[in-house]
Amino acid sequence: MTDAELSPDAIRAFVDSMPRGYRYVFSERGIRDHASLALRRGGAIARVGQFHAARDLGAAPLCVVADDRPGLLAFISAALVMERLDVVHAEAYTRRRDDASLEAVDIFWVRDLRATHVEELSQGRLQSLEDALGRLLRGEVSVAEASAAAAVSRPPTGAYEASVRFLGQDDGALSTLEVQTVDRAGLLLALAHALFARGVQIVRCEVHTVRDAVRDRFEIQEVDGSPISAARRLEIQVAVLDAIDPVRPR
């Protein structure tokens, strides 16, 4: 299905299947691009494509569509690291398809660590990223292997602040975890993998990078859909701090 074949009804149905706030964040053209990618996915394990972004974040906009599953953000982050793409900003959404299955529509702004300036990703590069994600989702390569092969960068030396905390009141089954630290390539992968390894499911997230400062928020629950208990919070916070800097004293 091409963009030209998308009917207004198809686009409206896509928007209606997304969380309420989604429609206020993206332009009409961007929403059309997301809908086209989702509706063209069919039975493919994942689809990756660029979209028109009204917001200029100094990075290339990217949309990834795949069946929602525990650890998906870690798999996507690993694929991005394998392709030497660093995440500047990210927003994760989940929608219910017509067959009642859950589909993730994850939005990223990425910078190419191989390039000296911001540019659109070529079709070949997008296909390579899609292939890498497919291998990860099929279990042909693990997140740990992807991290090692890509030589994920270490935290900066010297003093810096790192904050990991749960915010306010829980929204039903969801708890909001906020992470503030300094940026480095592969940081989102480290955080997402740490949460997945602790049996935590990321339902929604917002990733913000301004200069070298990172402020990420993850709305999380247990893999079985139950709330994060008070007893589990400290364990999760320690795991995330370890992911930020495995050798830093606590």
C-alpha atoms as a PDB file:
ATOM      1  CA  MET A   1       0.000   0.000   0.000  1.00  0.00           C
ATOM      2  CA  THR A   2       1.427   3.386  -1.041  1.00  0.00           C
ATOM      3  CA  ASP A   3       0.722   6.720   0.592  1.00  0.00           C
ATOM      4  CA  ALA A   4      -1.468   7.607  -2.381  1.00  0.00           C
ATOM      5  CA  GLU A   5      -3.655   4.563  -1.701  1.00  0.00           C
ATOM      6  CA  LEU A   6      -4.341   5.532   1.914  1.00  0.00           C
ATOM      7  CA  SER A   7      -7.940   6.620   2.280  1.00  0.00           C
ATOM      8  CA  PRO A   8      -9.037   9.240   4.813  1.00  0.00           C
ATOM      9  CA  ASP A   9     -10.992   6.479   6.565  1.00  0.00           C
ATOM     10  CA  ALA A  10      -7.854   4.334   6.859  1.00  0.00           C
ATOM     11  CA  ILE A  11      -5.876   7.209   8.343  1.00  0.00           C
ATOM     12  CA  ARG A  12      -8.716   8.080  10.727  1.00  0.00           C
ATOM     13  CA  ALA A  13      -8.940   4.448  11.869  1.00  0.00           C
ATOM     14  CA  PHE A  14      -5.177   4.415  12.489  1.00  0.00           C
ATOM     15  CA  VAL A  15      -5.348   7.600  14.573  1.00  0.00           C
ATOM     16  CA  ASP A  16      -8.315   6.247  16.539  1.00  0.00           C
ATOM     17  CA  SER A  17      -6.293   3.130  17.383  1.00  0.00           C
ATOM     18  CA  MET A  18      -3.448   5.206  18.856  1.00  0.00           C
ATOM     19  CA  PRO A  19      -3.289   6.734  22.368  1.00  0.00           C
ATOM     20  CA  ARG A  20      -5.283   9.958  22.660  1.00  0.00           C
ATOM     21  CA  GLY A  21      -2.285  12.281  22.954  1.00  0.00           C
ATOM     22  CA  TYR A  22      -0.660  11.026  19.739  1.00  0.00           C
ATOM     23  CA  ARG A  23      -2.827  13.107  17.384  1.00  0.00           C
ATOM     24  CA  TYR A  24      -1.728  16.353  19.046  1.00  0.00           C
ATOM     25  CA  VAL A  25       1.998  15.656  18.731  1.00  0.00           C
ATOM     26  CA  PHE A  26       2.504  14.993  15.018  1.00  0.00           C
ATOM     27  CA  SER A  27       1.591  16.834  11.838  1.00  0.00           C
ATOM     28  CA  GLU A  28      -1.016  15.539   9.404  1.00  0.00           C
ATOM     29  CA  ARG A  29       1.738  14.530   6.991  1.00  0.00           C
ATOM     30  CA  GLY A  30       3.721  12.785   9.725  1.00  0.00           C
ATOM     31  CA  ILE A  31       0.646  10.852  10.852  1.00  0.00           C
ATOM     32  CA  ARG A  32       0.038   9.808   7.249  1.00  0.00           C
ATOM     33  CA  ASP A  33       3.603   8.493   7.032  1.00  0.00           C
ATOM     34  CA  HIS A  34       3.201   6.507  10.268  1.00  0.00           C
ATOM     35  CA  ALA A  35      -0.139   5.080   9.123  1.00  0.00           C
ATOM     36  CA  SER A  36       1.296   4.069   5.767  1.00  0.00           C
ATOM     37  CA  LEU A  37       4.182   2.239   7.390  1.00  0.00           C
ATOM     38  CA  ALA A  38       1.902   0.434   9.854  1.00  0.00           C
ATOM     39  CA  LEU A  39      -0.649  -0.570   7.232  1.00  0.00           C
ATOM     40  CA  ARG A  40       2.062  -1.752   4.820  1.00  0.00           C
ATOM     41  CA  ARG A  41       3.682  -3.960   7.462  1.00  0.00           C
ATOM     42  CA  GLY A  42       1.241  -6.790   6.926  1.00  0.00           C
ATOM     43  CA  GLY A  43       2.758  -9.979   8.331  1.00  0.00           C
ATOM     44  CA  ALA A  44       6.348  -8.696   8.386  1.00  0.00           C
ATOM     45  CA  ILE A  45       8.126  -8.979  11.721  1.00  0.00           C
ATOM     46  CA  ALA A  46       8.962  -5.251  11.622  1.00  0.00           C
ATOM     47  CA  ARG A  47       8.955  -2.258   9.312  1.00  0.00           C
ATOM     48  CA  VAL A  48      11.283   0.747   9.464  1.00  0.00           C
ATOM     49  CA  GLY A  49      10.840   4.031   7.614  1.00  0.00           C
ATOM     50  CA  GLN A  50      11.356   7.757   7.757  1.00  0.00           C
ATOM     51  CA  PHE A  51       8.552  10.278   8.194  1.00  0.00           C
ATOM     52  CA  HIS A  52       7.947  13.981   7.781  1.00  0.00           C
ATOM     53  CA  ALA A  53       8.636  15.677  11.119  1.00  0.00           C
ATOM     54  CA  ALA A  54       7.406  19.176  11.904  1.00  0.00           C
ATOM     55  CA  ARG A  55       9.835  19.357  14.809  1.00  0.00           C
ATOM     56  CA  ASP A  56      13.478  20.007  13.907  1.00  0.00           C
ATOM     57  CA  LEU A  57      15.521  18.201  16.547  1.00  0.00           C
ATOM     58  CA  GLY A  58      18.754  18.211  14.588  1.00  0.00           C
ATOM     59  CA  ALA A  59      18.446  14.521  13.786  1.00  0.00           C
ATOM     60  CA  ALA A  60      16.774  12.199  11.275  1.00  0.00           C
ATOM     61  CA  PRO A  61      13.176  11.148  12.109  1.00  0.00           C
ATOM     62  CA  LEU A  62      12.537   7.409  12.095  1.00  0.00           C
ATOM     63  CA  CYS A  63       9.450   5.233  12.690  1.00  0.00           C
ATOM     64  CA  VAL A  64       9.597   1.561  13.707  1.00  0.00           C
ATOM     65  CA  VAL A  65       6.482  -0.636  13.641  1.00  0.00           C
ATOM     66  CA  ALA A  66       6.404  -4.144  15.126  1.00  0.00           C
ATOM     67  CA  ASP A  67       4.235  -6.401  17.266  1.00  0.00           C
ATOM     68  CA  ASP A  68       4.388  -5.170  20.835  1.00  0.00           C
ATOM     69  CA  ARG A  69       6.298  -7.510  23.134  1.00  0.00           C
ATOM     70  CA  PRO A  70       8.347  -7.343  26.335  1.00  0.00           C
ATOM     71  CA  GLY A  71      11.825  -6.038  25.603  1.00  0.00           C
ATOM     72  CA  LEU A  72      10.912  -4.519  22.230  1.00  0.00           C
ATOM     73  CA  LEU A  73      12.566  -1.179  23.006  1.00  0.00           C
ATOM     74  CA  ALA A  74      15.770  -3.020  23.916  1.00  0.00           C
ATOM     75  CA  PHE A  75      15.682  -4.921  20.607  1.00  0.00           C
ATOM     76  CA  ILE A  76      15.098  -1.727  18.619  1.00  0.00           C
ATOM     77  CA  SER A  77      17.829   0.092  20.550  1.00  0.00           C
ATOM     78  CA  ALA A  78      20.230  -2.783  19.870  1.00  0.00           C
ATOM     79  CA  ALA A  79      19.477  -2.620  16.145  1.00  0.00           C
ATOM     80  CA  LEU A  80      20.109   1.138  16.163  1.00  0.00           C
ATOM     81  CA  VAL A  81      23.425   0.610  17.955  1.00  0.00           C
ATOM     82  CA  MET A  82      24.417  -2.075  15.428  1.00  0.00           C
ATOM     83  CA  GLU A  83      23.782   0.451  12.658  1.00  0.00           C
ATOM     84  CA  ARG A  84      25.729   3.177  14.494  1.00  0.00           C
ATOM     85  CA  LEU A  85      22.641   5.341  15.006  1.00  0.00           C
ATOM     86  CA  ASP A  86      22.378   7.315  18.246  1.00  0.00           C
ATOM     87  CA  VAL A  87      18.970   8.261  19.712  1.00  0.00           C
ATOM     88  CA  VAL A  88      18.416  11.965  20.382  1.00  0.00           C
ATOM     89  CA  HIS A  89      14.680  11.778  21.098  1.00  0.00           C
ATOM     90  CA  ALA A  90      12.156   8.944  21.241  1.00  0.00           C
ATOM     91  CA  GLU A  91       8.457   8.388  21.874  1.00  0.00           C
ATOM     92  CA  ALA A  92       6.894   4.923  22.139  1.00  0.00           C
ATOM     93  CA  TYR A  93       3.223   4.248  21.403  1.00  0.00           C
ATOM     94  CA  THR A  94       1.081   1.118  21.362  1.00  0.00           C
ATOM     95  CA  ARG A  95      -2.102   0.631  19.346  1.00  0.00           C
ATOM     96  CA  ARG A  96      -4.650  -2.178  19.026  1.00  0.00           C
ATOM     97  CA  ARG A  97      -5.024  -3.496  15.490  1.00  0.00           C
ATOM     98  CA  ASP A  98      -8.246  -4.702  13.908  1.00  0.00           C
ATOM     99  CA  ASP A  99      -7.371  -8.294  14.851  1.00  0.00           C
ATOM    100  CA  ALA A 100      -7.057  -7.181  18.530  1.00  0.00           C
ATOM    101  CA  SER A 101      -3.266  -7.691  18.573  1.00  0.00           C
ATOM    102  CA  LEU A 102      -1.073  -4.950  20.045  1.00  0.00           C
ATOM    103  CA  GLU A 103       1.309  -3.128  17.719  1.00  0.00           C
ATOM    104  CA  ALA A 104       4.103  -0.771  18.729  1.00  0.00           C
ATOM    105  CA  VAL A 105       4.588   2.425  16.749  1.00  0.00           C
ATOM    106  CA  ASP A 106       7.868   3.799  18.070  1.00  0.00           C
ATOM    107  CA  ILE A 107       9.217   7.163  16.954  1.00  0.00           C
ATOM    108  CA  PHE A 108      12.883   8.151  17.054  1.00  0.00           C
ATOM    109  CA  TRP A 109      15.083  11.024  16.051  1.00  0.00           C
ATOM    110  CA  VAL A 110      18.545   9.612  15.403  1.00  0.00           C
ATOM    111  CA  ARG A 111      21.941  10.928  14.434  1.00  0.00           C
ATOM    112  CA  ASP A 112      24.295   8.909  12.273  1.00  0.00           C
ATOM    113  CA  LEU A 113      27.564   8.387  14.117  1.00  0.00           C
ATOM    114  CA  ARG A 114      29.242   7.756  10.759  1.00  0.00           C
ATOM    115  CA  ALA A 115      28.260  11.162   9.361  1.00  0.00           C
ATOM    116  CA  THR A 116      29.504  14.649  10.156  1.00  0.00           C
ATOM    117  CA  HIS A 117      26.120  16.317   9.602  1.00  0.00           C
ATOM    118  CA  VAL A 118      22.416  15.479   9.763  1.00  0.00           C
ATOM    119  CA  GLU A 119      21.078  13.784   6.650  1.00  0.00           C
ATOM    120  CA  GLU A 120      18.257  11.489   5.647  1.00  0.00           C
ATOM    121  CA  LEU A 121      18.974   7.793   5.895  1.00  0.00           C
ATOM    122  CA  SER A 122      19.275   6.061   2.527  1.00  0.00           C
ATOM    123  CA  GLN A 123      16.879   3.270   1.585  1.00  0.00           C
ATOM    124  CA  GLY A 124      19.776   0.841   1.870  1.00  0.00           C
ATOM    125  CA  ARG A 125      20.510   2.021   5.389  1.00  0.00           C
ATOM    126  CA  LEU A 126      16.848   1.680   6.376  1.00  0.00           C
ATOM    127  CA  GLN A 127      16.763  -1.849   4.968  1.00  0.00           C
ATOM    128  CA  SER A 128      19.927  -2.749   6.851  1.00  0.00           C
ATOM    129  CA  LEU A 129      18.359  -1.474  10.084  1.00  0.00           C
ATOM    130  CA  GLU A 130      15.158  -3.417   9.387  1.00  0.00           C
ATOM    131  CA  ASP A 131      17.188  -6.584   8.721  1.00  0.00           C
ATOM    132  CA  ALA A 132      19.185  -6.133  11.945  1.00  0.00           C
ATOM    133  CA  LEU A 133      15.990  -5.699  13.960  1.00  0.00           C
ATOM    134  CA  GLY A 134      14.504  -8.784  12.322  1.00  0.00           C
ATOM    135  CA  ARG A 135      17.511 -10.887  13.343  1.00  0.00           C
ATOM    136  CA  LEU A 136      17.187  -9.680  16.925  1.00  0.00           C
ATOM    137  CA  LEU A 137      13.440 -10.329  17.095  1.00  0.00           C
ATOM    138  CA  ARG A 138      13.869 -13.821  15.639  1.00  0.00           C
ATOM    139  CA  GLY A 139      16.555 -14.639  18.202  1.00  0.00           C
ATOM    140  CA  GLU A 140      19.326 -15.022  15.632  1.00  0.00           C
ATOM    141  CA  VAL A 141      21.446 -12.540  17.603  1.00  0.00           C
ATOM    142  CA  SER A 142      21.059 -11.446  21.219  1.00  0.00           C
ATOM    143  CA  VAL A 143      20.960  -7.920  22.604  1.00  0.00           C
ATOM    144  CA  ALA A 144      24.176  -8.640  24.526  1.00  0.00           C
ATOM    145  CA  GLU A 145      25.916  -9.833  21.350  1.00  0.00           C
ATOM    146  CA  ALA A 146      24.732  -6.768  19.479  1.00  0.00           C
ATOM    147  CA  SER A 147      26.084  -4.486  22.216  1.00  0.00           C
ATOM    148  CA  ALA A 148      29.461  -6.221  22.252  1.00  0.00           C
ATOM    149  CA  ALA A 149      29.778  -6.240  18.464  1.00  0.00           C
ATOM    150  CA  ALA A 150      28.957  -2.540  18.255  1.00  0.00           C
ATOM    151  CA  ALA A 151      31.373  -1.652  21.080  1.00  0.00           C
ATOM    152  CA  VAL A 152      28.872   0.428  23.048  1.00  0.00           C
ATOM    153  CA  SER A 153      30.634   3.423  24.565  1.00  0.00           C
ATOM    154  CA  ARG A 154      31.427   3.623  28.248  1.00  0.00           C
ATOM    155  CA  PRO A 155      30.249   6.392  30.608  1.00  0.00           C
ATOM    156  CA  PRO A 156      32.376   9.546  30.669  1.00  0.00           C
ATOM    157  CA  THR A 157      35.216   9.788  33.125  1.00  0.00           C
ATOM    158  CA  GLY A 158      35.102  12.342  35.912  1.00  0.00           C
ATOM    159  CA  ALA A 159      32.278  13.525  38.114  1.00  0.00           C
ATOM    160  CA  TYR A 160      28.736  13.680  36.779  1.00  0.00           C
ATOM    161  CA  GLU A 161      25.224  13.386  38.178  1.00  0.00           C
ATOM    162  CA  ALA A 162      22.935  10.412  37.637  1.00  0.00           C
ATOM    163  CA  SER A 163      19.405  10.340  39.035  1.00  0.00           C
ATOM    164  CA  VAL A 164      16.946   7.435  38.862  1.00  0.00           C
ATOM    165  CA  ARG A 165      13.614   7.911  40.634  1.00  0.00           C
ATOM    166  CA  PHE A 166       9.942   6.984  40.535  1.00  0.00           C
ATOM    167  CA  LEU A 167       7.611   9.943  40.069  1.00  0.00           C
ATOM    168  CA  GLY A 168       4.378  10.825  41.851  1.00  0.00           C
ATOM    169  CA  GLN A 169       1.337   8.609  41.961  1.00  0.00           C
ATOM    170  CA  ASP A 170       1.020   5.521  39.809  1.00  0.00           C
ATOM    171  CA  ASP A 171      -1.433   5.623  36.907  1.00  0.00           C
ATOM    172  CA  GLY A 172      -3.316   2.405  37.641  1.00  0.00           C
ATOM    173  CA  ALA A 173      -0.947  -0.415  36.760  1.00  0.00           C
ATOM    174  CA  LEU A 174       1.734   1.953  35.407  1.00  0.00           C
ATOM    175  CA  SER A 175       4.637   3.514  37.280  1.00  0.00           C
ATOM    176  CA  THR A 176       6.749   6.347  35.871  1.00  0.00           C
ATOM    177  CA  LEU A 177      10.518   5.986  36.159  1.00  0.00           C
ATOM    178  CA  GLU A 178      12.632   9.054  35.405  1.00  0.00           C
ATOM    179  CA  VAL A 179      16.308   8.846  34.499  1.00  0.00           C
ATOM    180  CA  GLN A 180      18.582  11.894  34.307  1.00  0.00           C
ATOM    181  CA  THR A 181      22.241  11.578  33.400  1.00  0.00           C
ATOM    182  CA  VAL A 182      24.817  12.534  30.763  1.00  0.00           C
ATOM    183  CA  ASP A 183      24.419  11.320  27.207  1.00  0.00           C
ATOM    184  CA  ARG A 184      26.466   8.664  25.481  1.00  0.00           C
ATOM    185  CA  ALA A 185      25.993   6.448  22.457  1.00  0.00           C
ATOM    186  CA  GLY A 186      24.029   3.313  23.337  1.00  0.00           C
ATOM    187  CA  LEU A 187      22.573   4.689  26.579  1.00  0.00           C
ATOM    188  CA  LEU A 188      18.956   3.906  25.635  1.00  0.00           C
ATOM    189  CA  LEU A 189      19.973   0.334  24.853  1.00  0.00           C
ATOM    190  CA  ALA A 190      21.628  -0.014  28.260  1.00  0.00           C
ATOM    191  CA  LEU A 191      18.557   1.333  30.072  1.00  0.00           C
ATOM    192  CA  ALA A 192      15.978  -0.659  28.073  1.00  0.00           C
ATOM    193  CA  HIS A 193      17.961  -3.881  28.405  1.00  0.00           C
ATOM    194  CA  ALA A 194      18.372  -3.383  32.166  1.00  0.00           C
ATOM    195  CA  LEU A 195      14.615  -2.993  32.599  1.00  0.00           C
ATOM    196  CA  PHE A 196      13.880  -6.013  30.395  1.00  0.00           C
ATOM    197  CA  ALA A 197      16.428  -8.125  32.308  1.00  0.00           C
ATOM    198  CA  ARG A 198      14.586  -7.284  35.545  1.00  0.00           C
ATOM    199  CA  GLY A 199      11.288  -8.510  34.124  1.00  0.00           C
ATOM    200  CA  VAL A 200       9.887  -5.028  33.540  1.00  0.00           C
ATOM    201  CA  GLN A 201       7.773  -4.059  30.531  1.00  0.00           C
ATOM    202  CA  ILE A 202       8.033  -0.560  29.040  1.00  0.00           C
ATOM    203  CA  VAL A 203       4.541   0.537  28.009  1.00  0.00           C
ATOM    204  CA  ARG A 204       5.374   4.101  26.988  1.00  0.00           C
ATOM    205  CA  CYS A 205       8.498   6.212  27.030  1.00  0.00           C
ATOM    206  CA  GLU A 206       9.819   9.660  26.236  1.00  0.00           C
ATOM    207  CA  VAL A 207      13.523  10.158  25.622  1.00  0.00           C
ATOM    208  CA  HIS A 208      14.944  13.697  25.582  1.00  0.00           C
ATOM    209  CA  THR A 209      18.543  14.754  24.931  1.00  0.00           C
ATOM    210  CA  VAL A 210      19.555  18.409  25.151  1.00  0.00           C
ATOM    211  CA  ARG A 211      23.235  18.985  24.501  1.00  0.00           C
ATOM    212  CA  ASP A 212      24.804  16.314  26.731  1.00  0.00           C
ATOM    213  CA  ALA A 213      21.948  16.068  29.235  1.00  0.00           C
ATOM    214  CA  VAL A 214      19.499  13.166  29.099  1.00  0.00           C
ATOM    215  CA  ARG A 215      16.054  13.067  30.696  1.00  0.00           C
ATOM    216  CA  ASP A 216      14.154   9.871  29.977  1.00  0.00           C
ATOM    217  CA  ARG A 217      10.779   8.804  31.333  1.00  0.00           C
ATOM    218  CA  PHE A 218       9.532   5.232  31.170  1.00  0.00           C
ATOM    219  CA  GLU A 219       6.005   4.153  32.050  1.00  0.00           C
ATOM    220  CA  ILE A 220       6.482   0.587  33.222  1.00  0.00           C
ATOM    221  CA  GLN A 221       4.722  -2.437  34.668  1.00  0.00           C
ATOM    222  CA  GLU A 222       5.561  -6.049  35.377  1.00  0.00           C
ATOM    223  CA  VAL A 223       5.663  -8.327  32.332  1.00  0.00           C
ATOM    224  CA  ASP A 224       2.395  -9.940  33.438  1.00  0.00           C
ATOM    225  CA  GLY A 225       0.723  -6.510  33.505  1.00  0.00           C
ATOM    226  CA  SER A 226       0.674  -6.113  37.279  1.00  0.00           C
ATOM    227  CA  PRO A 227       1.900  -2.917  39.010  1.00  0.00           C
ATOM    228  CA  ILE A 228       5.463  -2.452  40.195  1.00  0.00           C
ATOM    229  CA  SER A 229       5.431  -3.134  43.917  1.00  0.00           C
ATOM    230  CA  ALA A 230       7.183  -0.929  46.450  1.00  0.00           C
ATOM    231  CA  ALA A 231       9.543  -3.811  47.193  1.00  0.00           C
ATOM    232  CA  ARG A 232      10.625  -3.983  43.536  1.00  0.00           C
ATOM    233  CA  ARG A 233      11.352  -0.298  43.096  1.00  0.00           C
ATOM    234  CA  LEU A 234      14.744  -0.247  44.781  1.00  0.00           C
ATOM    235  CA  GLU A 235      15.849  -3.314  42.802  1.00  0.00           C
ATOM    236  CA  ILE A 236      14.872  -1.605  39.546  1.00  0.00           C
ATOM    237  CA  GLN A 237      16.551   1.678  40.475  1.00  0.00           C
ATOM    238  CA  VAL A 238      19.811  -0.096  41.340  1.00  0.00           C
ATOM    239  CA  ALA A 239      19.696  -2.072  38.065  1.00  0.00           C
ATOM    240  CA  VAL A 240      19.242   1.126  36.053  1.00  0.00           C
ATOM    241  CA  LEU A 241      22.061   2.888  37.909  1.00  0.00           C
ATOM    242  CA  ASP A 242      24.286  -0.103  37.190  1.00  0.00           C
ATOM    243  CA  ALA A 243      23.352   0.174  33.512  1.00  0.00           C
ATOM    244  CA  ILE A 244      24.300   3.864  33.470  1.00  0.00           C
ATOM    245  CA  ASP A 245      27.693   3.129  34.984  1.00  0.00           C
ATOM    246  CA  PRO A 246      28.498  -0.469  36.049  1.00  0.00           C
ATOM    247  CA  VAL A 247      31.670   0.515  37.968  1.00  0.00           C
ATOM    248  CA  ARG A 248      30.504   3.709  39.662  1.00  0.00           C
ATOM    249  CA  PRO A 249      30.215   3.462  43.464  1.00  0.00           C
ATOM    250  CA  ARG A 250      26.623   3.599  44.737  1.00  0.00           C
END
